Amino acid sequence: MPLCQHFSVDCPSRALFDQIADKWSMMVLTVLENEPVRFNTIKRHLEGVTQKSLTQCLRRLERNGLVERRVIPASPVAVEYGLTALGRSLLPPFKALYVWAIDNMDEVDAARSRFDVRREAAQVGA
């Protein structure tokens, strides 16, 4: 499939990007990197995620074939989530993005500060 470099509305990559590069998906996949994990353990690793947001995220990841959900027949019944081979294949690019963010955070912070100063000066002069 050719790359959609103009990201038209009908480019299938847009919907997929929206579902795998959202606020929580990259972090969820990273939490699942080493072994399958139960829902509440995932939630404990992601400070600030709501139960609803995590549930929706896991469903999207499962629907896209990145995560598999397994019911553990215990009392009470438990559910754990693990990476599929497809989900595991996303870890290297996600890790590269994370390393980039850490390596460039100082430069990003400086750019934000310069932007904020210019914006404030423009608002004062307006």
Protein backbone atom coordinates (compact mmCIF):
# COMPACT_ATOMS: atom_id res chain seq x y z
CA MET A 1 0.00 0.00 0.00
CA PRO A 2 1.46 3.39 -0.95
CA LEU A 3 2.10 5.95 1.75
CA CYS A 4 -0.52 8.68 2.11
CA GLN A 5 1.70 11.73 2.31
CA HIS A 6 -1.14 14.21 2.13
CA PHE A 7 -3.21 12.40 4.78
CA SER A 8 -6.51 12.61 2.98
CA VAL A 9 -9.67 11.86 4.90
CA ASP A 10 -9.90 8.40 3.33
CA CYS A 11 -6.29 7.43 4.10
CA PRO A 12 -6.59 4.39 6.39
CA SER A 13 -3.45 5.36 8.27
CA ARG A 14 -5.25 8.35 9.82
CA ALA A 15 -7.69 6.16 11.71
CA LEU A 16 -4.94 3.78 12.78
CA PHE A 17 -2.68 6.63 13.98
CA ASP A 18 -5.60 7.99 15.96
CA GLN A 19 -6.05 4.63 17.68
CA ILE A 20 -2.44 3.65 18.40
CA ALA A 21 -0.76 7.00 19.03
CA ASP A 22 -3.28 8.43 21.44
CA LYS A 23 -2.60 9.54 24.99
CA TRP A 24 -2.59 6.10 26.63
CA SER A 25 -1.93 3.45 23.96
CA MET A 26 1.84 3.82 23.79
CA MET A 27 2.09 3.62 27.57
CA VAL A 28 -0.23 0.59 27.78
CA LEU A 29 1.82 -1.29 25.21
CA THR A 30 4.98 -0.48 27.15
CA VAL A 31 3.43 -1.75 30.41
CA LEU A 32 2.61 -5.01 28.65
CA GLU A 33 6.10 -5.38 27.18
CA ASN A 34 7.42 -8.09 29.51
CA GLU A 35 4.39 -10.21 30.34
CA PRO A 36 0.60 -10.30 30.38
CA VAL A 37 -0.80 -8.03 33.08
CA ARG A 38 -4.16 -7.67 34.80
CA PHE A 39 -6.29 -4.57 34.32
CA ASN A 40 -5.69 -3.08 37.78
CA THR A 41 -1.93 -3.55 37.45
CA ILE A 42 -1.99 -1.63 34.16
CA LYS A 43 -4.06 1.08 35.83
CA ARG A 44 -1.56 1.37 38.71
CA HIS A 45 1.27 1.91 36.22
CA LEU A 46 -0.55 4.75 34.44
CA GLU A 47 -1.03 7.57 36.89
CA GLY A 48 -4.09 9.62 36.03
CA VAL A 49 -5.84 7.17 33.69
CA THR A 50 -9.50 6.59 34.46
CA GLN A 51 -11.09 3.16 34.40
CA LYS A 52 -13.23 4.23 31.45
CA SER A 53 -10.27 5.58 29.44
CA LEU A 54 -8.20 2.47 30.09
CA THR A 55 -11.07 0.17 29.16
CA GLN A 56 -11.64 2.06 25.90
CA CYS A 57 -7.92 2.04 25.12
CA LEU A 58 -7.59 -1.70 25.72
CA ARG A 59 -10.62 -2.39 23.53
CA ARG A 60 -9.14 -0.32 20.68
CA LEU A 61 -5.80 -2.08 21.00
CA GLU A 62 -7.53 -5.46 21.05
CA ARG A 63 -9.68 -4.58 18.04
CA ASN A 64 -6.57 -3.55 16.10
CA GLY A 65 -4.85 -6.84 16.92
CA LEU A 66 -2.19 -5.36 19.19
CA VAL A 67 -3.39 -6.75 22.50
CA GLU A 68 -5.10 -9.98 23.44
CA ARG A 69 -7.50 -10.30 26.34
CA ARG A 70 -7.55 -13.52 28.33
CA VAL A 71 -10.13 -14.43 30.95
CA ILE A 72 -8.65 -16.27 33.91
CA PRO A 73 -11.27 -18.64 35.32
CA ALA A 74 -10.68 -17.97 38.99
CA SER A 75 -12.90 -16.78 41.79
CA PRO A 76 -13.47 -13.95 41.20
CA VAL A 77 -12.93 -14.08 37.46
CA ALA A 78 -9.89 -12.08 36.37
CA VAL A 79 -8.79 -10.69 33.04
CA GLU A 80 -5.26 -10.12 31.83
CA TYR A 81 -3.92 -8.42 28.75
CA GLY A 82 -0.86 -9.32 26.75
CA LEU A 83 0.83 -8.18 23.58
CA THR A 84 0.29 -9.98 20.31
CA ALA A 85 3.14 -10.34 17.83
CA LEU A 86 1.75 -7.31 16.00
CA GLY A 87 1.67 -5.30 19.24
CA ARG A 88 5.21 -6.37 20.05
CA SER A 89 6.32 -5.09 16.62
CA LEU A 90 5.26 -1.57 17.69
CA LEU A 91 7.59 -1.47 20.68
CA PRO A 92 10.78 -0.53 18.77
CA PRO A 93 9.27 2.56 17.09
CA PHE A 94 7.55 3.59 20.32
CA LYS A 95 10.81 3.22 22.25
CA ALA A 96 12.61 5.26 19.60
CA LEU A 97 10.00 8.01 20.00
CA TYR A 98 10.38 7.89 23.79
CA VAL A 99 14.19 8.14 23.53
CA TRP A 100 13.78 11.05 21.11
CA ALA A 101 11.47 12.81 23.59
CA ILE A 102 13.91 12.35 26.48
CA ASP A 103 16.93 13.36 24.37
CA ASN A 104 15.21 16.49 23.06
CA MET A 105 13.19 17.62 26.09
CA ASP A 106 15.54 20.51 26.92
CA GLU A 107 15.33 21.82 23.36
CA VAL A 108 11.54 21.43 23.32
CA ASP A 109 11.27 23.26 26.67
CA ALA A 110 13.43 26.10 25.30
CA ALA A 111 11.28 26.33 22.16
CA ARG A 112 8.13 26.46 24.30
CA SER A 113 9.60 29.26 26.41
CA ARG A 114 10.59 31.28 23.32
CA PHE A 115 7.11 30.79 21.86
CA ASP A 116 5.40 31.85 25.11
CA VAL A 117 7.57 34.99 25.38
CA ARG A 118 6.77 35.97 21.75
CA ARG A 119 3.07 35.31 22.29
CA GLU A 120 2.94 37.33 25.49
CA ALA A 121 4.79 40.20 23.82
CA ALA A 122 2.36 40.11 20.89
CA GLN A 123 -0.63 40.20 23.26
CA VAL A 124 0.80 43.14 25.20
CA GLY A 125 1.45 45.02 21.96
CA ALA A 126 -2.00 44.29 20.56
